[in-house]
Amino acid sequence: LRYKPEYPDAEFNLGNALAHCGEYQEAVKHLQKAVALRPDYADPYGTLGYIAVQFHQIDQAIEHYQKAIDIDPGLAQARNNLANLLNQRKDVAAALAVLRKGCEVSPDPAFFLNRCAEILATSADPSIRNGTEAVSLAQRAVELTNRQNPLMLGTLADAYAAAGDLPKAEQASQAAISLAKARGNSALLKQL
């Protein structure tokens, strides 16, 4: 910055590093300068969203994450964070819409397919819960990961259960547990 003070990438990199060290006020200055220098720069908005969450400024975080994905729809972390915040706010339909768009724009859609399937399979809202669609999305996620992701196999089990196919739910659940055991992933085993 000393040699090239009007360089948005340097402002972002410094702001991002400061944010992850907990130096939020200083980080915000650099991130805001990065977007002032380049208004179509998505990454700083993602980090500003992260900082807003640290201060429990959820409305502001939602705005920042939304701005980030408006600029760069493929920004996966900002998209996921936005969906998480919307889901926490009980705006499940909006969270699902954000994740569905992720399925379309992500070069690696398995994560977003899985998140959509998880919501569709487990939502308490009957207008959102859709076991059949959850199975379809979860199957695609499992296929894209070559049946090697125990978390996605667990979601497939939930989807089958939501669709009323308990034998397939049991098979998918056992496959997820076996894979997690084979990998020695005790934390995931607790989730499954």
N, C-alpha and C. Protein backbone atom coordinates (compact mmCIF):
# COMPACT_ATOMS: atom_id res chain seq x y z
N LEU A 1 0.82 -1.20 0.00
CA LEU A 1 0.00 0.00 0.00
C LEU A 1 0.87 1.26 0.00
N ARG A 2 2.03 1.14 0.58
CA ARG A 2 2.92 2.30 0.62
C ARG A 2 3.35 2.70 -0.78
N TYR A 3 3.58 1.69 -1.64
CA TYR A 3 4.07 1.97 -2.98
C TYR A 3 2.95 2.17 -3.99
N LYS A 4 1.80 1.59 -3.72
CA LYS A 4 0.67 1.70 -4.62
C LYS A 4 -0.60 1.87 -3.78
N PRO A 5 -0.83 3.07 -3.27
CA PRO A 5 -1.92 3.28 -2.30
C PRO A 5 -3.33 3.12 -2.87
N GLU A 6 -3.49 3.15 -4.15
CA GLU A 6 -4.82 3.04 -4.75
C GLU A 6 -5.01 1.65 -5.36
N TYR A 7 -4.62 0.61 -4.64
CA TYR A 7 -4.66 -0.75 -5.14
C TYR A 7 -5.70 -1.55 -4.36
N PRO A 8 -6.89 -1.80 -4.95
CA PRO A 8 -7.98 -2.44 -4.21
C PRO A 8 -7.66 -3.85 -3.72
N ASP A 9 -6.88 -4.61 -4.49
CA ASP A 9 -6.54 -5.97 -4.04
C ASP A 9 -5.71 -5.94 -2.76
N ALA A 10 -4.78 -5.01 -2.68
CA ALA A 10 -3.96 -4.90 -1.47
C ALA A 10 -4.83 -4.47 -0.28
N GLU A 11 -5.75 -3.54 -0.52
CA GLU A 11 -6.66 -3.11 0.55
C GLU A 11 -7.50 -4.30 1.04
N PHE A 12 -8.02 -5.09 0.08
CA PHE A 12 -8.81 -6.25 0.47
C PHE A 12 -7.97 -7.26 1.24
N ASN A 13 -6.80 -7.59 0.71
CA ASN A 13 -5.96 -8.60 1.37
C ASN A 13 -5.61 -8.18 2.79
N LEU A 14 -5.26 -6.92 2.98
CA LEU A 14 -4.94 -6.44 4.32
C LEU A 14 -6.18 -6.45 5.20
N GLY A 15 -7.29 -5.97 4.68
CA GLY A 15 -8.54 -5.97 5.45
C GLY A 15 -8.97 -7.37 5.83
N ASN A 16 -8.85 -8.30 4.91
CA ASN A 16 -9.23 -9.69 5.16
C ASN A 16 -8.34 -10.30 6.24
N ALA A 17 -7.04 -10.06 6.14
CA ALA A 17 -6.10 -10.59 7.14
C ALA A 17 -6.40 -9.99 8.52
N LEU A 18 -6.64 -8.69 8.56
CA LEU A 18 -6.96 -8.04 9.84
C LEU A 18 -8.26 -8.59 10.43
N ALA A 19 -9.24 -8.82 9.59
CA ALA A 19 -10.52 -9.36 10.07
C ALA A 19 -10.32 -10.73 10.71
N HIS A 20 -9.51 -11.56 10.09
CA HIS A 20 -9.31 -12.91 10.62
C HIS A 20 -8.36 -12.93 11.81
N CYS A 21 -7.75 -11.79 12.11
CA CYS A 21 -6.96 -11.65 13.34
C CYS A 21 -7.77 -10.95 14.43
N GLY A 22 -9.01 -10.61 14.13
CA GLY A 22 -9.87 -9.96 15.12
C GLY A 22 -9.72 -8.45 15.19
N GLU A 23 -8.98 -7.86 14.26
CA GLU A 23 -8.80 -6.41 14.21
C GLU A 23 -9.88 -5.82 13.31
N TYR A 24 -11.12 -5.89 13.77
CA TYR A 24 -12.26 -5.59 12.92
C TYR A 24 -12.36 -4.13 12.49
N GLN A 25 -12.14 -3.20 13.40
CA GLN A 25 -12.30 -1.79 13.02
C GLN A 25 -11.29 -1.39 11.95
N GLU A 26 -10.08 -1.84 12.12
CA GLU A 26 -9.05 -1.52 11.12
C GLU A 26 -9.35 -2.25 9.81
N ALA A 27 -9.85 -3.47 9.91
CA ALA A 27 -10.19 -4.24 8.72
C ALA A 27 -11.26 -3.53 7.91
N VAL A 28 -12.28 -3.02 8.59
CA VAL A 28 -13.39 -2.35 7.90
C VAL A 28 -12.88 -1.18 7.08
N LYS A 29 -11.95 -0.42 7.61
CA LYS A 29 -11.39 0.73 6.88
C LYS A 29 -10.80 0.29 5.54
N HIS A 30 -10.01 -0.78 5.57
CA HIS A 30 -9.36 -1.25 4.35
C HIS A 30 -10.37 -1.88 3.38
N LEU A 31 -11.34 -2.59 3.91
CA LEU A 31 -12.34 -3.22 3.05
C LEU A 31 -13.22 -2.16 2.38
N GLN A 32 -13.59 -1.15 3.14
CA GLN A 32 -14.40 -0.07 2.56
C GLN A 32 -13.60 0.70 1.51
N LYS A 33 -12.31 0.85 1.74
CA LYS A 33 -11.48 1.52 0.74
C LYS A 33 -11.39 0.66 -0.53
N ALA A 34 -11.30 -0.64 -0.35
CA ALA A 34 -11.22 -1.54 -1.52
C ALA A 34 -12.46 -1.39 -2.39
N VAL A 35 -13.66 -1.34 -1.77
CA VAL A 35 -14.87 -1.21 -2.58
C VAL A 35 -15.07 0.21 -3.09
N ALA A 36 -14.51 1.19 -2.40
CA ALA A 36 -14.56 2.56 -2.91
C ALA A 36 -13.70 2.67 -4.18
N LEU A 37 -12.57 1.98 -4.18
CA LEU A 37 -11.69 1.99 -5.34
C LEU A 37 -12.24 1.15 -6.49
N ARG A 38 -12.94 0.07 -6.13
CA ARG A 38 -13.50 -0.83 -7.14
C ARG A 38 -14.87 -1.31 -6.67
N PRO A 39 -15.93 -0.58 -6.97
CA PRO A 39 -17.27 -0.90 -6.47
C PRO A 39 -17.80 -2.28 -6.88
N ASP A 40 -17.26 -2.86 -7.93
CA ASP A 40 -17.73 -4.18 -8.37
C ASP A 40 -16.87 -5.32 -7.80
N TYR A 41 -16.23 -5.08 -6.68
CA TYR A 41 -15.33 -6.04 -6.04
C TYR A 41 -16.12 -6.81 -4.98
N ALA A 42 -16.45 -8.06 -5.25
CA ALA A 42 -17.33 -8.84 -4.38
C ALA A 42 -16.68 -9.28 -3.07
N ASP A 43 -15.43 -9.70 -3.12
CA ASP A 43 -14.80 -10.30 -1.94
C ASP A 43 -14.81 -9.42 -0.68
N PRO A 44 -14.54 -8.12 -0.79
CA PRO A 44 -14.60 -7.30 0.42
C PRO A 44 -15.98 -7.31 1.08
N TYR A 45 -17.04 -7.37 0.26
CA TYR A 45 -18.38 -7.42 0.85
C TYR A 45 -18.58 -8.71 1.65
N GLY A 46 -18.00 -9.80 1.18
CA GLY A 46 -18.08 -11.05 1.94
C GLY A 46 -17.42 -10.92 3.29
N THR A 47 -16.25 -10.30 3.32
CA THR A 47 -15.56 -10.12 4.60
C THR A 47 -16.28 -9.12 5.48
N LEU A 48 -16.85 -8.08 4.89
CA LEU A 48 -17.66 -7.14 5.68
C LEU A 48 -18.87 -7.86 6.29
N GLY A 49 -19.43 -8.81 5.57
CA GLY A 49 -20.52 -9.62 6.11
C GLY A 49 -20.05 -10.43 7.31
N TYR A 50 -18.88 -11.04 7.18
CA TYR A 50 -18.29 -11.81 8.28
C TYR A 50 -18.10 -10.93 9.52
N ILE A 51 -17.59 -9.73 9.32
CA ILE A 51 -17.36 -8.82 10.44
C ILE A 51 -18.69 -8.42 11.08
N ALA A 52 -19.68 -8.13 10.27
CA ALA A 52 -20.99 -7.76 10.83
C ALA A 52 -21.56 -8.88 11.69
N VAL A 53 -21.36 -10.12 11.27
CA VAL A 53 -21.82 -11.26 12.08
C VAL A 53 -21.12 -11.28 13.44
N GLN A 54 -19.84 -10.95 13.45
CA GLN A 54 -19.09 -10.95 14.72
C GLN A 54 -19.68 -9.97 15.72
N PHE A 55 -20.31 -8.91 15.20
CA PHE A 55 -20.93 -7.90 16.06
C PHE A 55 -22.45 -8.08 16.16
N HIS A 56 -22.93 -9.24 15.70
CA HIS A 56 -24.36 -9.57 15.76
C HIS A 56 -25.22 -8.55 15.00
N GLN A 57 -24.66 -7.98 13.96
CA GLN A 57 -25.38 -7.05 13.09
C GLN A 57 -25.88 -7.84 11.88
N ILE A 58 -26.90 -8.64 12.13
CA ILE A 58 -27.34 -9.62 11.14
C ILE A 58 -27.93 -8.96 9.90
N ASP A 59 -28.72 -7.90 10.07
CA ASP A 59 -29.27 -7.22 8.90
C ASP A 59 -28.16 -6.70 8.00
N GLN A 60 -27.16 -6.11 8.62
CA GLN A 60 -26.03 -5.58 7.86
C GLN A 60 -25.24 -6.72 7.20
N ALA A 61 -25.07 -7.82 7.90
CA ALA A 61 -24.36 -8.97 7.33
C ALA A 61 -25.11 -9.50 6.11
N ILE A 62 -26.43 -9.60 6.24
CA ILE A 62 -27.24 -10.08 5.11
C ILE A 62 -27.06 -9.15 3.91
N GLU A 63 -27.07 -7.84 4.15
CA GLU A 63 -26.88 -6.88 3.05
C GLU A 63 -25.52 -7.06 2.38
N HIS A 64 -24.48 -7.23 3.20
CA HIS A 64 -23.13 -7.40 2.63
C HIS A 64 -23.02 -8.69 1.83
N TYR A 65 -23.52 -9.78 2.38
CA TYR A 65 -23.44 -11.06 1.65
C TYR A 65 -24.26 -11.00 0.37
N GLN A 66 -25.42 -10.36 0.43
CA GLN A 66 -26.25 -10.23 -0.77
C GLN A 66 -25.53 -9.41 -1.83
N LYS A 67 -24.89 -8.33 -1.41
CA LYS A 67 -24.14 -7.50 -2.35
C LYS A 67 -23.01 -8.31 -2.98
N ALA A 68 -22.33 -9.11 -2.17
CA ALA A 68 -21.23 -9.93 -2.68
C ALA A 68 -21.71 -10.87 -3.77
N ILE A 69 -22.84 -11.57 -3.54
CA ILE A 69 -23.28 -12.53 -4.55
C ILE A 69 -24.02 -11.86 -5.71
N ASP A 70 -24.50 -10.64 -5.49
CA ASP A 70 -25.04 -9.89 -6.63
C ASP A 70 -23.92 -9.56 -7.62
N ILE A 71 -22.76 -9.22 -7.08
CA ILE A 71 -21.61 -8.90 -7.92
C ILE A 71 -21.01 -10.16 -8.53
N ASP A 72 -20.83 -11.17 -7.68
CA ASP A 72 -20.22 -12.43 -8.13
C ASP A 72 -21.08 -13.59 -7.65
N PRO A 73 -22.03 -14.03 -8.48
CA PRO A 73 -22.94 -15.10 -8.06
C PRO A 73 -22.24 -16.41 -7.67
N GLY A 74 -21.02 -16.61 -8.13
CA GLY A 74 -20.29 -17.83 -7.81
C GLY A 74 -19.51 -17.79 -6.51
N LEU A 75 -19.64 -16.73 -5.75
CA LEU A 75 -18.91 -16.60 -4.49
C LEU A 75 -19.56 -17.52 -3.45
N ALA A 76 -19.07 -18.73 -3.37
CA ALA A 76 -19.73 -19.81 -2.61
C ALA A 76 -19.84 -19.52 -1.12
N GLN A 77 -18.76 -19.04 -0.51
CA GLN A 77 -18.80 -18.83 0.95
C GLN A 77 -19.81 -17.75 1.32
N ALA A 78 -19.84 -16.67 0.57
CA ALA A 78 -20.82 -15.61 0.85
C ALA A 78 -22.24 -16.13 0.64
N ARG A 79 -22.45 -16.93 -0.40
CA ARG A 79 -23.77 -17.50 -0.67
C ARG A 79 -24.19 -18.41 0.48
N ASN A 80 -23.30 -19.26 0.92
CA ASN A 80 -23.62 -20.17 2.02
C ASN A 80 -23.89 -19.39 3.31
N ASN A 81 -23.07 -18.40 3.59
CA ASN A 81 -23.26 -17.59 4.81
C ASN A 81 -24.60 -16.86 4.77
N LEU A 82 -24.95 -16.32 3.61
CA LEU A 82 -26.24 -15.65 3.47
C LEU A 82 -27.38 -16.63 3.73
N ALA A 83 -27.30 -17.80 3.14
CA ALA A 83 -28.35 -18.81 3.35
C ALA A 83 -28.45 -19.19 4.83
N ASN A 84 -27.30 -19.33 5.49
CA ASN A 84 -27.32 -19.66 6.93
C ASN A 84 -28.04 -18.59 7.74
N LEU A 85 -27.74 -17.33 7.44
CA LEU A 85 -28.38 -16.24 8.19
C LEU A 85 -29.87 -16.18 7.91
N LEU A 86 -30.26 -16.36 6.67
CA LEU A 86 -31.69 -16.35 6.34
C LEU A 86 -32.40 -17.52 7.01
N ASN A 87 -31.76 -18.67 7.04
CA ASN A 87 -32.34 -19.84 7.70
C ASN A 87 -32.48 -19.59 9.20
N GLN A 88 -31.48 -18.98 9.82
CA GLN A 88 -31.56 -18.64 11.24
C GLN A 88 -32.71 -17.68 11.53
N ARG A 89 -32.99 -16.83 10.57
CA ARG A 89 -34.09 -15.88 10.68
C ARG A 89 -35.44 -16.52 10.40
N LYS A 90 -35.43 -17.80 10.13
CA LYS A 90 -36.65 -18.56 9.80
C LYS A 90 -37.23 -18.17 8.45
N ASP A 91 -36.40 -17.56 7.60
CA ASP A 91 -36.82 -17.27 6.23
C ASP A 91 -36.27 -18.39 5.34
N VAL A 92 -36.82 -19.58 5.57
CA VAL A 92 -36.31 -20.78 4.93
C VAL A 92 -36.50 -20.72 3.41
N ALA A 93 -37.60 -20.16 2.96
CA ALA A 93 -37.84 -20.06 1.51
C ALA A 93 -36.75 -19.21 0.85
N ALA A 94 -36.39 -18.11 1.47
CA ALA A 94 -35.33 -17.26 0.91
C ALA A 94 -33.98 -17.97 0.96
N ALA A 95 -33.70 -18.66 2.06
CA ALA A 95 -32.44 -19.42 2.16
C ALA A 95 -32.37 -20.47 1.06
N LEU A 96 -33.47 -21.16 0.84
CA LEU A 96 -33.52 -22.18 -0.19
C LEU A 96 -33.31 -21.58 -1.58
N ALA A 97 -33.87 -20.42 -1.82
CA ALA A 97 -33.68 -19.75 -3.12
C ALA A 97 -32.21 -19.39 -3.34
N VAL A 98 -31.54 -18.92 -2.31
CA VAL A 98 -30.12 -18.58 -2.40
C VAL A 98 -29.31 -19.84 -2.71
N LEU A 99 -29.64 -20.93 -2.04
CA LEU A 99 -28.91 -22.18 -2.25
C LEU A 99 -29.20 -22.77 -3.63
N ARG A 100 -30.45 -22.67 -4.08
CA ARG A 100 -30.80 -23.18 -5.41
C ARG A 100 -29.98 -22.46 -6.49
N LYS A 101 -29.82 -21.17 -6.33
CA LYS A 101 -29.02 -20.41 -7.29
C LYS A 101 -27.57 -20.90 -7.25
N GLY A 102 -27.11 -21.27 -6.07
CA GLY A 102 -25.76 -21.84 -5.94
C GLY A 102 -25.60 -23.11 -6.75
N CYS A 103 -26.66 -23.92 -6.80
CA CYS A 103 -26.63 -25.15 -7.61
C CYS A 103 -26.41 -24.81 -9.08
N GLU A 104 -26.97 -23.69 -9.51
CA GLU A 104 -26.87 -23.29 -10.92
C GLU A 104 -25.53 -22.68 -11.27
N VAL A 105 -24.97 -21.87 -10.37
CA VAL A 105 -23.79 -21.07 -10.73
C VAL A 105 -22.47 -21.65 -10.24
N SER A 106 -22.51 -22.58 -9.31
CA SER A 106 -21.27 -23.11 -8.75
C SER A 106 -20.63 -24.10 -9.71
N PRO A 107 -19.31 -24.01 -9.89
CA PRO A 107 -18.64 -25.00 -10.73
C PRO A 107 -18.62 -26.38 -10.06
N ASP A 108 -18.83 -26.41 -8.74
CA ASP A 108 -18.89 -27.66 -7.98
C ASP A 108 -20.17 -27.63 -7.16
N PRO A 109 -21.30 -28.00 -7.78
CA PRO A 109 -22.60 -27.79 -7.14
C PRO A 109 -22.97 -28.79 -6.04
N ALA A 110 -22.18 -29.82 -5.79
CA ALA A 110 -22.56 -30.86 -4.83
C ALA A 110 -22.90 -30.27 -3.46
N PHE A 111 -22.10 -29.34 -2.99
CA PHE A 111 -22.35 -28.73 -1.68
C PHE A 111 -23.73 -28.09 -1.64
N PHE A 112 -24.07 -27.30 -2.67
CA PHE A 112 -25.35 -26.60 -2.69
C PHE A 112 -26.52 -27.57 -2.91
N LEU A 113 -26.32 -28.58 -3.72
CA LEU A 113 -27.35 -29.61 -3.88
C LEU A 113 -27.66 -30.26 -2.53
N ASN A 114 -26.60 -30.57 -1.79
CA ASN A 114 -26.76 -31.21 -0.49
C ASN A 114 -27.49 -30.30 0.48
N ARG A 115 -27.11 -29.02 0.50
CA ARG A 115 -27.79 -28.07 1.42
C ARG A 115 -29.27 -27.95 1.08
N CYS A 116 -29.60 -27.87 -0.21
CA CYS A 116 -31.01 -27.80 -0.62
C CYS A 116 -31.75 -29.06 -0.17
N ALA A 117 -31.14 -30.20 -0.43
CA ALA A 117 -31.77 -31.48 -0.05
C ALA A 117 -31.99 -31.55 1.45
N GLU A 118 -31.02 -31.08 2.21
CA GLU A 118 -31.13 -31.10 3.68
C GLU A 118 -32.34 -30.28 4.14
N ILE A 119 -32.51 -29.10 3.58
CA ILE A 119 -33.63 -28.24 3.95
C ILE A 119 -34.96 -28.87 3.51
N LEU A 120 -34.99 -29.36 2.29
CA LEU A 120 -36.23 -29.95 1.78
C LEU A 120 -36.63 -31.20 2.56
N ALA A 121 -35.64 -31.93 3.06
CA ALA A 121 -35.93 -33.16 3.79
C ALA A 121 -36.30 -32.92 5.25
N THR A 122 -35.81 -31.83 5.82
CA THR A 122 -35.97 -31.67 7.27
C THR A 122 -36.78 -30.45 7.70
N SER A 123 -37.22 -29.64 6.76
CA SER A 123 -37.94 -28.43 7.13
C SER A 123 -39.22 -28.76 7.91
N ALA A 124 -39.45 -28.01 8.95
CA ALA A 124 -40.69 -28.15 9.72
C ALA A 124 -41.87 -27.54 8.99
N ASP A 125 -41.58 -26.72 7.98
CA ASP A 125 -42.63 -26.05 7.22
C ASP A 125 -43.12 -26.98 6.11
N PRO A 126 -44.37 -27.44 6.20
CA PRO A 126 -44.87 -28.37 5.19
C PRO A 126 -44.92 -27.80 3.78
N SER A 127 -44.95 -26.48 3.65
CA SER A 127 -44.95 -25.89 2.32
C SER A 127 -43.57 -25.96 1.67
N ILE A 128 -42.55 -26.22 2.47
CA ILE A 128 -41.18 -26.33 1.95
C ILE A 128 -40.73 -27.79 1.90
N ARG A 129 -41.13 -28.54 2.89
CA ARG A 129 -40.69 -29.94 2.96
C ARG A 129 -41.15 -30.71 1.72
N ASN A 130 -40.18 -31.37 1.06
CA ASN A 130 -40.48 -32.10 -0.17
C ASN A 130 -39.49 -33.25 -0.28
N GLY A 131 -39.89 -34.40 0.22
CA GLY A 131 -39.02 -35.56 0.25
C GLY A 131 -38.58 -36.02 -1.12
N THR A 132 -39.49 -35.99 -2.08
CA THR A 132 -39.16 -36.46 -3.44
C THR A 132 -38.08 -35.60 -4.07
N GLU A 133 -38.24 -34.30 -3.98
CA GLU A 133 -37.20 -33.41 -4.53
C GLU A 133 -35.91 -33.53 -3.74
N ALA A 134 -36.02 -33.68 -2.42
CA ALA A 134 -34.83 -33.84 -1.59
C ALA A 134 -34.04 -35.07 -2.03
N VAL A 135 -34.73 -36.18 -2.32
CA VAL A 135 -34.05 -37.39 -2.79
C VAL A 135 -33.32 -37.11 -4.10
N SER A 136 -33.99 -36.47 -5.02
CA SER A 136 -33.39 -36.18 -6.32
C SER A 136 -32.11 -35.34 -6.18
N LEU A 137 -32.18 -34.29 -5.38
CA LEU A 137 -31.02 -33.42 -5.19
C LEU A 137 -29.90 -34.13 -4.44
N ALA A 138 -30.26 -34.87 -3.39
CA ALA A 138 -29.25 -35.58 -2.60
C ALA A 138 -28.58 -36.66 -3.44
N GLN A 139 -29.34 -37.35 -4.28
CA GLN A 139 -28.74 -38.36 -5.16
C GLN A 139 -27.71 -37.73 -6.08
N ARG A 140 -28.03 -36.56 -6.63
CA ARG A 140 -27.07 -35.87 -7.51
C ARG A 140 -25.81 -35.49 -6.76
N ALA A 141 -25.98 -35.00 -5.52
CA ALA A 141 -24.81 -34.62 -4.71
C ALA A 141 -23.95 -35.84 -4.41
N VAL A 142 -24.59 -36.94 -4.06
CA VAL A 142 -23.86 -38.18 -3.75
C VAL A 142 -23.13 -38.68 -5.00
N GLU A 143 -23.78 -38.62 -6.14
CA GLU A 143 -23.14 -39.05 -7.39
C GLU A 143 -21.95 -38.17 -7.73
N LEU A 144 -22.10 -36.87 -7.56
CA LEU A 144 -21.00 -35.95 -7.88
C LEU A 144 -19.79 -36.16 -6.99
N THR A 145 -20.02 -36.70 -5.80
CA THR A 145 -18.91 -36.96 -4.87
C THR A 145 -18.53 -38.44 -4.85
N ASN A 146 -18.99 -39.17 -5.86
CA ASN A 146 -18.64 -40.59 -6.02
C ASN A 146 -18.93 -41.42 -4.77
N ARG A 147 -20.01 -41.07 -4.10
CA ARG A 147 -20.44 -41.78 -2.88
C ARG A 147 -19.34 -41.79 -1.81
N GLN A 148 -18.49 -40.77 -1.82
CA GLN A 148 -17.37 -40.72 -0.89
C GLN A 148 -17.51 -39.65 0.18
N ASN A 149 -18.68 -39.05 0.28
CA ASN A 149 -18.89 -38.00 1.28
C ASN A 149 -19.96 -38.49 2.26
N PRO A 150 -19.54 -38.85 3.49
CA PRO A 150 -20.51 -39.40 4.44
C PRO A 150 -21.61 -38.40 4.82
N LEU A 151 -21.29 -37.14 4.85
CA LEU A 151 -22.30 -36.14 5.19
C LEU A 151 -23.40 -36.12 4.13
N MET A 152 -23.02 -36.20 2.88
CA MET A 152 -24.00 -36.20 1.80
C MET A 152 -24.80 -37.49 1.77
N LEU A 153 -24.17 -38.60 2.12
CA LEU A 153 -24.91 -39.85 2.25
C LEU A 153 -25.92 -39.75 3.40
N GLY A 154 -25.54 -39.06 4.46
CA GLY A 154 -26.47 -38.84 5.58
C GLY A 154 -27.66 -38.01 5.16
N THR A 155 -27.40 -37.00 4.35
CA THR A 155 -28.52 -36.19 3.83
C THR A 155 -29.42 -37.03 2.93
N LEU A 156 -28.81 -37.91 2.14
CA LEU A 156 -29.61 -38.79 1.29
C LEU A 156 -30.50 -39.68 2.17
N ALA A 157 -29.97 -40.16 3.29
CA ALA A 157 -30.78 -40.97 4.21
C ALA A 157 -31.96 -40.16 4.74
N ASP A 158 -31.71 -38.90 5.12
CA ASP A 158 -32.80 -38.03 5.59
C ASP A 158 -33.84 -37.81 4.49
N ALA A 159 -33.35 -37.65 3.26
CA ALA A 159 -34.26 -37.41 2.14
C ALA A 159 -35.14 -38.63 1.88
N TYR A 160 -34.52 -39.81 1.89
CA TYR A 160 -35.33 -41.03 1.71
C TYR A 160 -36.37 -41.16 2.82
N ALA A 161 -35.97 -40.86 4.04
CA ALA A 161 -36.93 -40.93 5.16
C ALA A 161 -38.07 -39.95 4.95
N ALA A 162 -37.74 -38.73 4.51
CA ALA A 162 -38.78 -37.72 4.27
C ALA A 162 -39.73 -38.15 3.15
N ALA A 163 -39.19 -38.92 2.19
CA ALA A 163 -40.01 -39.40 1.08
C ALA A 163 -40.76 -40.68 1.45
N GLY A 164 -40.51 -41.19 2.65
CA GLY A 164 -41.21 -42.38 3.11
C GLY A 164 -40.58 -43.70 2.70
N ASP A 165 -39.36 -43.66 2.18
CA ASP A 165 -38.68 -44.89 1.75
C ASP A 165 -37.67 -45.28 2.84
N LEU A 166 -38.17 -45.91 3.89
CA LEU A 166 -37.33 -46.22 5.05
C LEU A 166 -36.25 -47.27 4.76
N PRO A 167 -36.49 -48.29 3.93
CA PRO A 167 -35.39 -49.21 3.63
C PRO A 167 -34.20 -48.51 2.95
N LYS A 168 -34.47 -47.63 2.00
CA LYS A 168 -33.37 -46.90 1.35
C LYS A 168 -32.73 -45.90 2.32
N ALA A 169 -33.53 -45.34 3.21
CA ALA A 169 -32.98 -44.44 4.22
C ALA A 169 -31.99 -45.18 5.10
N GLU A 170 -32.34 -46.40 5.50
CA GLU A 170 -31.45 -47.22 6.32
C GLU A 170 -30.17 -47.58 5.57
N GLN A 171 -30.30 -47.93 4.29
CA GLN A 171 -29.12 -48.26 3.48
C GLN A 171 -28.17 -47.06 3.37
N ALA A 172 -28.73 -45.89 3.07
CA ALA A 172 -27.90 -44.69 2.92
C ALA A 172 -27.25 -44.32 4.25
N SER A 173 -28.00 -44.47 5.33
CA SER A 173 -27.47 -44.17 6.66
C SER A 173 -26.31 -45.11 7.00
N GLN A 174 -26.48 -46.38 6.73
CA GLN A 174 -25.41 -47.35 7.00
C GLN A 174 -24.17 -47.07 6.14
N ALA A 175 -24.39 -46.67 4.89
CA ALA A 175 -23.26 -46.33 4.02
C ALA A 175 -22.51 -45.12 4.57
N ALA A 176 -23.25 -44.13 5.06
CA ALA A 176 -22.63 -42.93 5.64
C ALA A 176 -21.83 -43.29 6.89
N ILE A 177 -22.41 -44.11 7.75
CA ILE A 177 -21.74 -44.51 8.99
C ILE A 177 -20.49 -45.32 8.67
N SER A 178 -20.60 -46.26 7.75
CA SER A 178 -19.43 -47.08 7.37
C SER A 178 -18.29 -46.22 6.84
N LEU A 179 -18.64 -45.28 5.99
CA LEU A 179 -17.62 -44.41 5.41
C LEU A 179 -16.98 -43.52 6.48
N ALA A 180 -17.79 -42.97 7.37
CA ALA A 180 -17.25 -42.14 8.45
C ALA A 180 -16.34 -42.97 9.36
N LYS A 181 -16.74 -44.19 9.67
CA LYS A 181 -15.91 -45.08 10.50
C LYS A 181 -14.59 -45.38 9.80
N ALA A 182 -14.66 -45.70 8.51
CA ALA A 182 -13.46 -46.03 7.75
C ALA A 182 -12.47 -44.86 7.74
N ARG A 183 -12.99 -43.67 7.82
CA ARG A 183 -12.13 -42.49 7.82
C ARG A 183 -11.75 -42.05 9.22
N GLY A 184 -12.28 -42.72 10.23
CA GLY A 184 -11.98 -42.37 11.62
C GLY A 184 -12.56 -41.03 12.02
N ASN A 185 -13.67 -40.65 11.42
CA ASN A 185 -14.28 -39.34 11.67
C ASN A 185 -15.34 -39.48 12.77
N SER A 186 -14.89 -39.44 14.02
CA SER A 186 -15.80 -39.63 15.16
C SER A 186 -16.77 -38.46 15.32
N ALA A 187 -16.36 -37.25 14.97
CA ALA A 187 -17.26 -36.11 15.08
C ALA A 187 -18.45 -36.26 14.12
N LEU A 188 -18.17 -36.72 12.93
CA LEU A 188 -19.24 -36.93 11.95
C LEU A 188 -20.12 -38.10 12.36
N LEU A 189 -19.54 -39.12 12.95
CA LEU A 189 -20.33 -40.26 13.42
C LEU A 189 -21.40 -39.82 14.41
N LYS A 190 -21.05 -38.85 15.24
CA LYS A 190 -22.03 -38.34 16.22
C LYS A 190 -23.19 -37.64 15.52
N GLN A 191 -22.91 -36.97 14.41
CA GLN A 191 -23.95 -36.28 13.65
C GLN A 191 -24.87 -37.26 12.93
N LEU A 192 -24.29 -38.37 12.49
CA LEU A 192 -25.07 -39.34 11.73
C LEU A 192 -25.87 -40.18 12.68
